[in-house]
PDB file of N, CA and C in Angstrom:
ATOM      1  N   UNK A   1     123.683  88.969  92.520  1.00  0.00           N
ATOM      2  CA  UNK A   1     122.405  89.608  92.819  1.00  0.00           C
ATOM      3  C   UNK A   1     121.273  88.672  92.383  1.00  0.00           C
ATOM      4  N   UNK A   2     120.301  88.497  93.246  1.00  0.00           N
ATOM      5  CA  UNK A   2     119.224  87.564  92.955  1.00  0.00           C
ATOM      6  C   UNK A   2     118.043  88.216  92.245  1.00  0.00           C
ATOM      7  N   UNK A   3     117.981  89.539  92.256  1.00  0.00           N
ATOM      8  CA  UNK A   3     116.876  90.251  91.636  1.00  0.00           C
ATOM      9  C   UNK A   3     117.429  91.381  90.772  1.00  0.00           C
ATOM     10  N   UNK A   4     116.767  91.601  89.648  1.00  0.00           N
ATOM     11  CA  UNK A   4     117.051  92.773  88.826  1.00  0.00           C
ATOM     12  C   UNK A   4     115.778  93.600  88.804  1.00  0.00           C
ATOM     13  N   UNK A   5     115.922  94.903  88.956  1.00  0.00           N
ATOM     14  CA  UNK A   5     114.743  95.761  88.924  1.00  0.00           C
ATOM     15  C   UNK A   5     114.890  96.798  87.827  1.00  0.00           C
ATOM     16  N   UNK A   6     113.762  97.160  87.266  1.00  0.00           N
ATOM     17  CA  UNK A   6     113.716  98.277  86.331  1.00  0.00           C
ATOM     18  C   UNK A   6     112.440  99.050  86.612  1.00  0.00           C
ATOM     19  N   UNK A   7     112.525 100.339  86.421  1.00  0.00           N
ATOM     20  CA  UNK A   7     111.392 101.209  86.722  1.00  0.00           C
ATOM     21  C   UNK A   7     110.778 101.704  85.426  1.00  0.00           C
ATOM     22  N   UNK A   8     109.463 101.647  85.370  1.00  0.00           N
ATOM     23  CA  UNK A   8     108.723 102.143  84.215  1.00  0.00           C
ATOM     24  C   UNK A   8     107.610 103.019  84.760  1.00  0.00           C
ATOM     25  N   UNK A   9     107.798 104.330  84.689  1.00  0.00           N
ATOM     26  CA  UNK A   9     106.821 105.254  85.255  1.00  0.00           C
ATOM     27  C   UNK A   9     106.666 105.023  86.741  1.00  0.00           C
ATOM     28  N   UNK A  10     105.427 104.739  87.172  1.00  0.00           N
ATOM     29  CA  UNK A  10     105.164 104.473  88.590  1.00  0.00           C
ATOM     30  C   UNK A  10     105.149 102.982  88.901  1.00  0.00           C
ATOM     31  N   UNK A  11     105.726 102.204  88.006  1.00  0.00           N
ATOM     32  CA  UNK A  11     105.777 100.765  88.218  1.00  0.00           C
ATOM     33  C   UNK A  11     107.197 100.249  88.211  1.00  0.00           C
ATOM     34  N   UNK A  12     107.364  99.089  88.817  1.00  0.00           N
ATOM     35  CA  UNK A  12     108.662  98.418  88.756  1.00  0.00           C
ATOM     36  C   UNK A  12     108.456  96.991  88.260  1.00  0.00           C
ATOM     37  N   UNK A  13     109.480  96.501  87.603  1.00  0.00           N
ATOM     38  CA  UNK A  13     109.535  95.102  87.201  1.00  0.00           C
ATOM     39  C   UNK A  13     110.703  94.490  87.951  1.00  0.00           C
ATOM     40  N   UNK A  14     110.425  93.421  88.672  1.00  0.00           N
ATOM     41  CA  UNK A  14     111.463  92.707  89.412  1.00  0.00           C
ATOM     42  C   UNK A  14     111.637  91.347  88.749  1.00  0.00           C
ATOM     43  N   UNK A  15     112.828  91.100  88.228  1.00  0.00           N
ATOM     44  CA  UNK A  15     113.137  89.811  87.607  1.00  0.00           C
ATOM     45  C   UNK A  15     113.817  88.927  88.639  1.00  0.00           C
ATOM     46  N   UNK A  16     113.265  87.739  88.813  1.00  0.00           N
ATOM     47  CA  UNK A  16     113.776  86.808  89.815  1.00  0.00           C
ATOM     48  C   UNK A  16     114.847  85.898  89.235  1.00  0.00           C
ATOM     49  N   UNK A  17     115.595  85.269  90.127  1.00  0.00           N
ATOM     50  CA  UNK A  17     116.570  84.254  89.731  1.00  0.00           C
ATOM     51  C   UNK A  17     115.842  82.926  89.524  1.00  0.00           C
ATOM     52  N   UNK A  18     116.569  81.827  89.558  1.00  0.00           N
ATOM     53  CA  UNK A  18     115.972  80.523  89.282  1.00  0.00           C
ATOM     54  C   UNK A  18     115.088  79.989  90.399  1.00  0.00           C
ATOM     55  N   UNK A  19     115.223  80.533  91.629  1.00  0.00           N
ATOM     56  CA  UNK A  19     114.436  80.032  92.761  1.00  0.00           C
ATOM     57  C   UNK A  19     113.918  81.189  93.617  1.00  0.00           C
ATOM     58  N   UNK A  20     112.735  80.990  94.188  1.00  0.00           N
ATOM     59  CA  UNK A  20     112.204  81.888  95.214  1.00  0.00           C
ATOM     60  C   UNK A  20     111.980  81.011  96.439  1.00  0.00           C
ATOM     61  N   UNK A  21     112.857  81.168  97.429  1.00  0.00           N
ATOM     62  CA  UNK A  21     112.860  80.258  98.577  1.00  0.00           C
ATOM     63  C   UNK A  21     113.001  81.031  99.881  1.00  0.00           C
ATOM     64  N   UNK A  22     113.061  80.278 100.965  1.00  0.00           N
ATOM     65  CA  UNK A  22     113.264  80.868 102.283  1.00  0.00           C
ATOM     66  C   UNK A  22     114.533  81.720 102.301  1.00  0.00           C
ATOM     67  N   UNK A  23     115.505  81.387 101.468  1.00  0.00           N
ATOM     68  CA  UNK A  23     116.769  82.112 101.459  1.00  0.00           C
ATOM     69  C   UNK A  23     116.725  83.485 100.824  1.00  0.00           C
ATOM     70  N   UNK A  24     115.739  83.750  99.954  1.00  0.00           N
ATOM     71  CA  UNK A  24     115.713  85.054  99.293  1.00  0.00           C
ATOM     72  C   UNK A  24     114.357  85.760  99.311  1.00  0.00           C
ATOM     73  N   UNK A  25     113.325  85.113  99.820  1.00  0.00           N
ATOM     74  CA  UNK A  25     111.976  85.694  99.801  1.00  0.00           C
ATOM     75  C   UNK A  25     111.846  86.957 100.642  1.00  0.00           C
ATOM     76  N   UNK A  26     112.450  86.964 101.815  1.00  0.00           N
ATOM     77  CA  UNK A  26     112.363  88.147 102.681  1.00  0.00           C
ATOM     78  C   UNK A  26     113.037  89.344 102.021  1.00  0.00           C
ATOM     79  N   UNK A  27     114.136  89.106 101.314  1.00  0.00           N
ATOM     80  CA  UNK A  27     114.829  90.194 100.607  1.00  0.00           C
ATOM     81  C   UNK A  27     113.955  90.746  99.487  1.00  0.00           C
ATOM     82  N   UNK A  28     113.216  89.873  98.799  1.00  0.00           N
ATOM     83  CA  UNK A  28     112.293  90.324  97.755  1.00  0.00           C
ATOM     84  C   UNK A  28     111.206  91.206  98.354  1.00  0.00           C
ATOM     85  N   UNK A  29     110.620  90.762  99.445  1.00  0.00           N
ATOM     86  CA  UNK A  29     109.559  91.535 100.108  1.00  0.00           C
ATOM     87  C   UNK A  29     110.070  92.910 100.517  1.00  0.00           C
ATOM     88  N   UNK A  30     111.251  92.962 101.127  1.00  0.00           N
ATOM     89  CA  UNK A  30     111.821  94.237 101.556  1.00  0.00           C
ATOM     90  C   UNK A  30     112.082  95.146 100.362  1.00  0.00           C
ATOM     91  N   UNK A  31     112.661  94.609  99.307  1.00  0.00           N
ATOM     92  CA  UNK A  31     112.938  95.392  98.105  1.00  0.00           C
ATOM     93  C   UNK A  31     111.669  96.030  97.558  1.00  0.00           C
ATOM     94  N   UNK A  32     110.618  95.237  97.438  1.00  0.00           N
ATOM     95  CA  UNK A  32     109.369  95.739  96.857  1.00  0.00           C
ATOM     96  C   UNK A  32     108.694  96.752  97.771  1.00  0.00           C
ATOM     97  N   UNK A  33     108.612  96.469  99.058  1.00  0.00           N
ATOM     98  CA  UNK A  33     107.967  97.421  99.969  1.00  0.00           C
ATOM     99  C   UNK A  33     108.769  98.717 100.075  1.00  0.00           C
ATOM    100  N   UNK A  34     110.093  98.634 100.003  1.00  0.00           N
ATOM    101  CA  UNK A  34     110.915  99.850  99.985  1.00  0.00           C
ATOM    102  C   UNK A  34     110.627 100.690  98.748  1.00  0.00           C
ATOM    103  N   UNK A  35     110.360 100.051  97.619  1.00  0.00           N
ATOM    104  CA  UNK A  35     110.043 100.779  96.385  1.00  0.00           C
ATOM    105  C   UNK A  35     108.739 101.564  96.525  1.00  0.00           C
ATOM    106  N   UNK A  36     107.794 101.051  97.320  1.00  0.00           N
ATOM    107  CA  UNK A  36     106.535 101.770  97.497  1.00  0.00           C
ATOM    108  C   UNK A  36     106.739 103.107  98.194  1.00  0.00           C
ATOM    109  N   UNK A  37     107.829 103.240  98.925  1.00  0.00           N
ATOM    110  CA  UNK A  37     108.143 104.516  99.564  1.00  0.00           C
ATOM    111  C   UNK A  37     108.632 105.545  98.552  1.00  0.00           C
ATOM    112  N   UNK A  38     108.906 105.116  97.319  1.00  0.00           N
ATOM    113  CA  UNK A  38     109.380 106.030  96.277  1.00  0.00           C
ATOM    114  C   UNK A  38     108.311 106.257  95.218  1.00  0.00           C
ATOM    115  N   UNK A  39     107.037 106.178  95.609  1.00  0.00           N
ATOM    116  CA  UNK A  39     105.914 106.503  94.736  1.00  0.00           C
ATOM    117  C   UNK A  39     105.653 105.461  93.647  1.00  0.00           C
ATOM    118  N   UNK A  40     105.894 104.213  93.937  1.00  0.00           N
ATOM    119  CA  UNK A  40     105.565 103.122  93.016  1.00  0.00           C
ATOM    120  C   UNK A  40     104.127 102.693  93.281  1.00  0.00           C
ATOM    121  N   UNK A  41     103.375 102.409  92.215  1.00  0.00           N
ATOM    122  CA  UNK A  41     102.000 101.965  92.421  1.00  0.00           C
ATOM    123  C   UNK A  41     101.710 100.593  91.819  1.00  0.00           C
ATOM    124  N   UNK A  42     102.629 100.079  91.018  1.00  0.00           N
ATOM    125  CA  UNK A  42     102.422  98.734  90.486  1.00  0.00           C
ATOM    126  C   UNK A  42     103.735  97.965  90.470  1.00  0.00           C
ATOM    127  N   UNK A  43     103.606  96.677  90.711  1.00  0.00           N
ATOM    128  CA  UNK A  43     104.767  95.790  90.745  1.00  0.00           C
ATOM    129  C   UNK A  43     104.480  94.608  89.825  1.00  0.00           C
ATOM    130  N   UNK A  44     105.430  94.332  88.962  1.00  0.00           N
ATOM    131  CA  UNK A  44     105.384  93.137  88.137  1.00  0.00           C
ATOM    132  C   UNK A  44     106.581  92.283  88.520  1.00  0.00           C
ATOM    133  N   UNK A  45     106.325  91.046  88.880  1.00  0.00           N
ATOM    134  CA  UNK A  45     107.407  90.121  89.198  1.00  0.00           C
ATOM    135  C   UNK A  45     107.549  89.169  88.017  1.00  0.00           C
ATOM    136  N   UNK A  46     108.721  89.198  87.402  1.00  0.00           N
ATOM    137  CA  UNK A  46     108.992  88.394  86.211  1.00  0.00           C
ATOM    138  C   UNK A  46     109.624  87.059  86.615  1.00  0.00           C
ATOM    139  N   UNK A  47     108.917  85.990  86.295  1.00  0.00           N
ATOM    140  CA  UNK A  47     109.344  84.638  86.645  1.00  0.00           C
ATOM    141  C   UNK A  47     109.994  83.910  85.469  1.00  0.00           C
ATOM    142  N   UNK A  48     110.441  84.624  84.450  1.00  0.00           N
ATOM    143  CA  UNK A  48     111.005  83.982  83.253  1.00  0.00           C
ATOM    144  C   UNK A  48     112.094  82.975  83.574  1.00  0.00           C
ATOM    145  N   UNK A  49     112.933  83.273  84.549  1.00  0.00           N
ATOM    146  CA  UNK A  49     114.060  82.394  84.897  1.00  0.00           C
ATOM    147  C   UNK A  49     113.769  81.493  86.090  1.00  0.00           C
ATOM    148  N   UNK A  50     112.599  81.633  86.685  1.00  0.00           N
ATOM    149  CA  UNK A  50     112.295  80.940  87.936  1.00  0.00           C
ATOM    150  C   UNK A  50     111.652  79.585  87.671  1.00  0.00           C
ATOM    151  N   UNK A  51     112.238  78.559  88.253  1.00  0.00           N
ATOM    152  CA  UNK A  51     111.734  77.196  88.073  1.00  0.00           C
ATOM    153  C   UNK A  51     111.275  76.550  89.377  1.00  0.00           C
ATOM    154  N   UNK A  52     111.498  77.217  90.509  1.00  0.00           N
ATOM    155  CA  UNK A  52     111.148  76.610  91.794  1.00  0.00           C
ATOM    156  C   UNK A  52     110.729  77.681  92.789  1.00  0.00           C
ATOM    157  N   UNK A  53     109.630  77.406  93.497  1.00  0.00           N
ATOM    158  CA  UNK A  53     109.183  78.236  94.620  1.00  0.00           C
ATOM    159  C   UNK A  53     108.902  77.282  95.770  1.00  0.00           C
ATOM    160  N   UNK A  54     109.445  77.585  96.951  1.00  0.00           N
ATOM    161  CA  UNK A  54     109.094  76.764  98.109  1.00  0.00           C
ATOM    162  C   UNK A  54     107.892  77.395  98.814  1.00  0.00           C
ATOM    163  N   UNK A  55     107.414  76.752  99.864  1.00  0.00           N
ATOM    164  CA  UNK A  55     106.213  77.237 100.555  1.00  0.00           C
ATOM    165  C   UNK A  55     106.433  78.613 101.174  1.00  0.00           C
ATOM    166  N   UNK A  56     107.647  78.910 101.614  1.00  0.00           N
ATOM    167  CA  UNK A  56     107.920  80.226 102.182  1.00  0.00           C
ATOM    168  C   UNK A  56     107.863  81.291 101.092  1.00  0.00           C
ATOM    169  N   UNK A  57     108.392  80.983  99.917  1.00  0.00           N
ATOM    170  CA  UNK A  57     108.310  81.915  98.794  1.00  0.00           C
ATOM    171  C   UNK A  57     106.868  82.203  98.421  1.00  0.00           C
ATOM    172  N   UNK A  58     106.045  81.168  98.430  1.00  0.00           N
ATOM    173  CA  UNK A  58     104.625  81.329  98.129  1.00  0.00           C
ATOM    174  C   UNK A  58     103.937  82.176  99.193  1.00  0.00           C
ATOM    175  N   UNK A  59     104.303  81.963 100.447  1.00  0.00           N
ATOM    176  CA  UNK A  59     103.741  82.764 101.538  1.00  0.00           C
ATOM    177  C   UNK A  59     104.106  84.240 101.373  1.00  0.00           C
ATOM    178  N   UNK A  60     105.350  84.519 101.009  1.00  0.00           N
ATOM    179  CA  UNK A  60     105.783  85.906 100.817  1.00  0.00           C
ATOM    180  C   UNK A  60     105.022  86.546  99.660  1.00  0.00           C
ATOM    181  N   UNK A  61     104.822  85.815  98.565  1.00  0.00           N
ATOM    182  CA  UNK A  61     104.043  86.359  97.447  1.00  0.00           C
ATOM    183  C   UNK A  61     102.622  86.695  97.888  1.00  0.00           C
ATOM    184  N   UNK A  62     102.032  85.811  98.682  1.00  0.00           N
ATOM    185  CA  UNK A  62     100.687  86.042  99.198  1.00  0.00           C
ATOM    186  C   UNK A  62     100.639  87.300 100.062  1.00  0.00           C
ATOM    187  N   UNK A  63     101.600  87.433 100.974  1.00  0.00           N
ATOM    188  CA  UNK A  63     101.660  88.620 101.835  1.00  0.00           C
ATOM    189  C   UNK A  63     101.883  89.879 101.014  1.00  0.00           C
ATOM    190  N   UNK A  64     102.776  89.795 100.028  1.00  0.00           N
ATOM    191  CA  UNK A  64     103.045  90.957  99.181  1.00  0.00           C
ATOM    192  C   UNK A  64     101.792  91.410  98.447  1.00  0.00           C
ATOM    193  N   UNK A  65     101.030  90.461  97.933  1.00  0.00           N
ATOM    194  CA  UNK A  65      99.806  90.808  97.223  1.00  0.00           C
ATOM    195  C   UNK A  65      98.862  91.595  98.128  1.00  0.00           C
ATOM    196  N   UNK A  66      98.699  91.123  99.349  1.00  0.00           N
ATOM    197  CA  UNK A  66      97.814  91.805 100.299  1.00  0.00           C
ATOM    198  C   UNK A  66      98.371  93.167 100.702  1.00  0.00           C
ATOM    199  N   UNK A  67      99.669  93.230 100.994  1.00  0.00           N
ATOM    200  CA  UNK A  67     100.283  94.495 101.425  1.00  0.00           C
ATOM    201  C   UNK A  67     100.272  95.530 100.308  1.00  0.00           C
ATOM    202  N   UNK A  68     100.558  95.108  99.100  1.00  0.00           N
ATOM    203  CA  UNK A  68     100.552  96.033  97.968  1.00  0.00           C
ATOM    204  C   UNK A  68      99.139  96.554  97.740  1.00  0.00           C
ATOM    205  N   UNK A  69      98.149  95.670  97.839  1.00  0.00           N
ATOM    206  CA  UNK A  69      96.756  96.097  97.705  1.00  0.00           C
ATOM    207  C   UNK A  69      96.359  97.102  98.767  1.00  0.00           C
ATOM    208  N   UNK A  70      96.794  96.883 100.002  1.00  0.00           N
ATOM    209  CA  UNK A  70      96.490  97.822 101.089  1.00  0.00           C
ATOM    210  C   UNK A  70      97.149  99.183 100.869  1.00  0.00           C
ATOM    211  N   UNK A  71      98.256  99.191 100.128  1.00  0.00           N
ATOM    212  CA  UNK A  71      98.944 100.450  99.818  1.00  0.00           C
ATOM    213  C   UNK A  71      98.391 101.105  98.555  1.00  0.00           C
ATOM    214  N   UNK A  72      97.341 100.510  97.994  1.00  0.00           N
ATOM    215  CA  UNK A  72      96.722 101.062  96.792  1.00  0.00           C
ATOM    216  C   UNK A  72      97.423 100.658  95.512  1.00  0.00           C
ATOM    217  N   UNK A  73      98.255  99.643  95.591  1.00  0.00           N
ATOM    218  CA  UNK A  73      99.011  99.205  94.425  1.00  0.00           C
ATOM    219  C   UNK A  73      98.461  97.935  93.817  1.00  0.00           C
ATOM    220  N   UNK A  74      99.196  97.447  92.832  1.00  0.00           N
ATOM    221  CA  UNK A  74      98.762  96.284  92.071  1.00  0.00           C
ATOM    222  C   UNK A  74      99.958  95.370  91.824  1.00  0.00           C
ATOM    223  N   UNK A  75      99.765  94.052  91.975  1.00  0.00           N
ATOM    224  CA  UNK A  75     100.822  93.067  91.759  1.00  0.00           C
ATOM    225  C   UNK A  75     100.452  92.150  90.600  1.00  0.00           C
ATOM    226  N   UNK A  76     101.387  92.005  89.672  1.00  0.00           N
ATOM    227  CA  UNK A  76     101.222  91.109  88.532  1.00  0.00           C
ATOM    228  C   UNK A  76     102.372  90.119  88.511  1.00  0.00           C
ATOM    229  N   UNK A  77     102.065  88.859  88.225  1.00  0.00           N
ATOM    230  CA  UNK A  77     103.088  87.832  88.050  1.00  0.00           C
ATOM    231  C   UNK A  77     103.223  87.571  86.554  1.00  0.00           C
ATOM    232  N   UNK A  78     104.436  87.729  86.048  1.00  0.00           N
ATOM    233  CA  UNK A  78     104.700  87.651  84.614  1.00  0.00           C
ATOM    234  C   UNK A  78     105.491  86.389  84.286  1.00  0.00           C
ATOM    235  N   UNK A  79     105.095  85.726  83.211  1.00  0.00           N
ATOM    236  CA  UNK A  79     105.834  84.572  82.686  1.00  0.00           C
ATOM    237  C   UNK A  79     106.023  83.457  83.713  1.00  0.00           C
ATOM    238  N   UNK A  80     104.950  83.115  84.399  1.00  0.00           N
ATOM    239  CA  UNK A  80     105.005  82.048  85.399  1.00  0.00           C
ATOM    240  C   UNK A  80     104.941  80.698  84.686  1.00  0.00           C
ATOM    241  N   UNK A  81     105.902  79.838  84.956  1.00  0.00           N
ATOM    242  CA  UNK A  81     105.955  78.485  84.420  1.00  0.00           C
ATOM    243  C   UNK A  81     104.662  77.750  84.793  1.00  0.00           C
ATOM    244  N   UNK A  82     104.169  76.900  83.897  1.00  0.00           N
ATOM    245  CA  UNK A  82     102.908  76.191  84.150  1.00  0.00           C
ATOM    246  C   UNK A  82     102.948  75.352  85.425  1.00  0.00           C
ATOM    247  N   UNK A  83     104.087  74.738  85.724  1.00  0.00           N
ATOM    248  CA  UNK A  83     104.200  73.956  86.962  1.00  0.00           C
ATOM    249  C   UNK A  83     104.086  74.855  88.186  1.00  0.00           C
ATOM    250  N   UNK A  84     104.717  76.025  88.118  1.00  0.00           N
ATOM    251  CA  UNK A  84     104.628  76.958  89.245  1.00  0.00           C
ATOM    252  C   UNK A  84     103.214  77.495  89.393  1.00  0.00           C
ATOM    253  N   UNK A  85     102.572  77.793  88.274  1.00  0.00           N
ATOM    254  CA  UNK A  85     101.204  78.289  88.346  1.00  0.00           C
ATOM    255  C   UNK A  85     100.285  77.214  88.928  1.00  0.00           C
ATOM    256  N   UNK A  86     100.507  75.964  88.572  1.00  0.00           N
ATOM    257  CA  UNK A  86      99.715  74.863  89.144  1.00  0.00           C
ATOM    258  C   UNK A  86      99.924  74.764  90.649  1.00  0.00           C
ATOM    259  N   UNK A  87     101.165  74.967  91.099  1.00  0.00           N
ATOM    260  CA  UNK A  87     101.479  74.962  92.529  1.00  0.00           C
ATOM    261  C   UNK A  87     100.716  76.075  93.248  1.00  0.00           C
ATOM    262  N   UNK A  88     100.673  77.257  92.638  1.00  0.00           N
ATOM    263  CA  UNK A  88      99.945  78.390  93.216  1.00  0.00           C
ATOM    264  C   UNK A  88      98.447  78.082  93.260  1.00  0.00           C
ATOM    265  N   UNK A  89      97.925  77.488  92.194  1.00  0.00           N
ATOM    266  CA  UNK A  89      96.512  77.122  92.153  1.00  0.00           C
ATOM    267  C   UNK A  89      96.186  76.038  93.178  1.00  0.00           C
ATOM    268  N   UNK A  90      97.076  75.064  93.326  1.00  0.00           N
ATOM    269  CA  UNK A  90      96.880  73.991  94.300  1.00  0.00           C
ATOM    270  C   UNK A  90      96.780  74.549  95.719  1.00  0.00           C
ATOM    271  N   UNK A  91      97.531  75.606  95.986  1.00  0.00           N
ATOM    272  CA  UNK A  91      97.485  76.250  97.302  1.00  0.00           C
ATOM    273  C   UNK A  91      96.294  77.205  97.422  1.00  0.00           C
ATOM    274  N   UNK A  92      95.465  77.263  96.385  1.00  0.00           N
ATOM    275  CA  UNK A  92      94.270  78.121  96.351  1.00  0.00           C
ATOM    276  C   UNK A  92      94.613  79.591  96.542  1.00  0.00           C
ATOM    277  N   UNK A  93      95.743  80.017  95.976  1.00  0.00           N
ATOM    278  CA  UNK A  93      96.171  81.414  96.081  1.00  0.00           C
ATOM    279  C   UNK A  93      96.119  82.138  94.746  1.00  0.00           C
ATOM    280  N   UNK A  94      95.680  81.468  93.695  1.00  0.00           N
ATOM    281  CA  UNK A  94      95.697  82.074  92.370  1.00  0.00           C
ATOM    282  C   UNK A  94      94.796  83.300  92.259  1.00  0.00           C
ATOM    283  N   UNK A  95      93.772  83.399  93.098  1.00  0.00           N
ATOM    284  CA  UNK A  95      92.880  84.563  93.041  1.00  0.00           C
ATOM    285  C   UNK A  95      93.558  85.841  93.540  1.00  0.00           C
ATOM    286  N   UNK A  96      94.703  85.705  94.200  1.00  0.00           N
ATOM    287  CA  UNK A  96      95.422  86.880  94.709  1.00  0.00           C
ATOM    288  C   UNK A  96      96.244  87.581  93.638  1.00  0.00           C
ATOM    289  N   UNK A  97      96.443  86.926  92.497  1.00  0.00           N
ATOM    290  CA  UNK A  97      97.389  87.432  91.513  1.00  0.00           C
ATOM    291  C   UNK A  97      96.768  87.588  90.137  1.00  0.00           C
ATOM    292  N   UNK A  98      97.326  88.525  89.385  1.00  0.00           N
ATOM    293  CA  UNK A  98      97.070  88.605  87.952  1.00  0.00           C
ATOM    294  C   UNK A  98      98.249  87.928  87.278  1.00  0.00           C
ATOM    295  N   UNK A  99      97.970  86.990  86.397  1.00  0.00           N
ATOM    296  CA  UNK A  99      99.019  86.300  85.656  1.00  0.00           C
ATOM    297  C   UNK A  99      99.060  86.857  84.245  1.00  0.00           C
ATOM    298  N   UNK A 100     100.255  87.155  83.758  1.00  0.00           N
ATOM    299  CA  UNK A 100     100.415  87.633  82.387  1.00  0.00           C
ATOM    300  C   UNK A 100     101.601  86.944  81.746  1.00  0.00           C
ATOM    301  N   UNK A 101     101.547  86.872  80.432  1.00  0.00           N
ATOM    302  CA  UNK A 101     102.652  86.332  79.638  1.00  0.00           C
ATOM    303  C   UNK A 101     103.200  87.451  78.775  1.00  0.00           C
ATOM    304  N   UNK A 102     104.506  87.423  78.543  1.00  0.00           N
ATOM    305  CA  UNK A 102     105.117  88.351  77.598  1.00  0.00           C
ATOM    306  C   UNK A 102     104.688  87.947  76.204  1.00  0.00           C
ATOM    307  N   UNK A 103     104.310  88.898  75.412  1.00  0.00           N
ATOM    308  CA  UNK A 103     103.920  88.585  74.022  1.00  0.00           C
ATOM    309  C   UNK A 103     105.048  88.874  73.084  1.00  0.00           C
TER     310      UNK A 103
END
C-alpha cells in the first residue's frame, strides 16, 4: 500500500510513501476526493517518508488544493523535505499550500 490514512474528526491524514509520481498520484487524488464524500473537511498530507515528487505529482497536488478549496475544505502539507519544498516554490505553487512541521 502506498498510502496510509487516519481520520481525526472531520479531517484525514494521508501518509505518503517515498515517492509521489505519475504511478501513484491519480490514486492519491481519488482517495482524497472519495473521503470528501464522507464528510471530511480537511486533509493533511504527510511527506515524512517522501523524498521525490515528479511534475505529475506536483500537478496533482495543485489540482487537489483547488478542488478541496472548491469543496470548502483545507489542504495542509506536513513534514515536507526542504528540497521538495524548494521544488514546489520553484514551480511557483507554494501559495496553494499551507506547510507545517511536526513538533
